[in-house]
Amino acid sequence: MNSAERTHHWQQHIEHWRDTGLSGAAFCKQQSLSYHQFVYWRRKFESTDDAAATERVPTSGFARVTQVAASPLSDDLCSCPR
């Protein structure tokens, strides 16, 4: 199996795992996969996904902040020392 085939093979497994909702260990046991290799490839694909997302979304260095209406606190809700 060459590098491209191996990448495709593990990409299919990772996508299938995401659809199952199982833990990684349970999925590997069910599919007779090496958990060590599964974690390696999962991290590899996650870092690739993160890099692609970073490239697509320009960041300005600022975060969007929204104001939430404040509600008055009553004395019985405050647990501050007096």
Foldseek 3Di string as FASTA:
>chain_A
DDPVVVLVVLVVLVVVVVVPPDPLVVSCVVVVHDSVVNVVSVVVVVVVVVVVVPVVDDDDPDDDDDDDDDDDDDPVVDPDDD
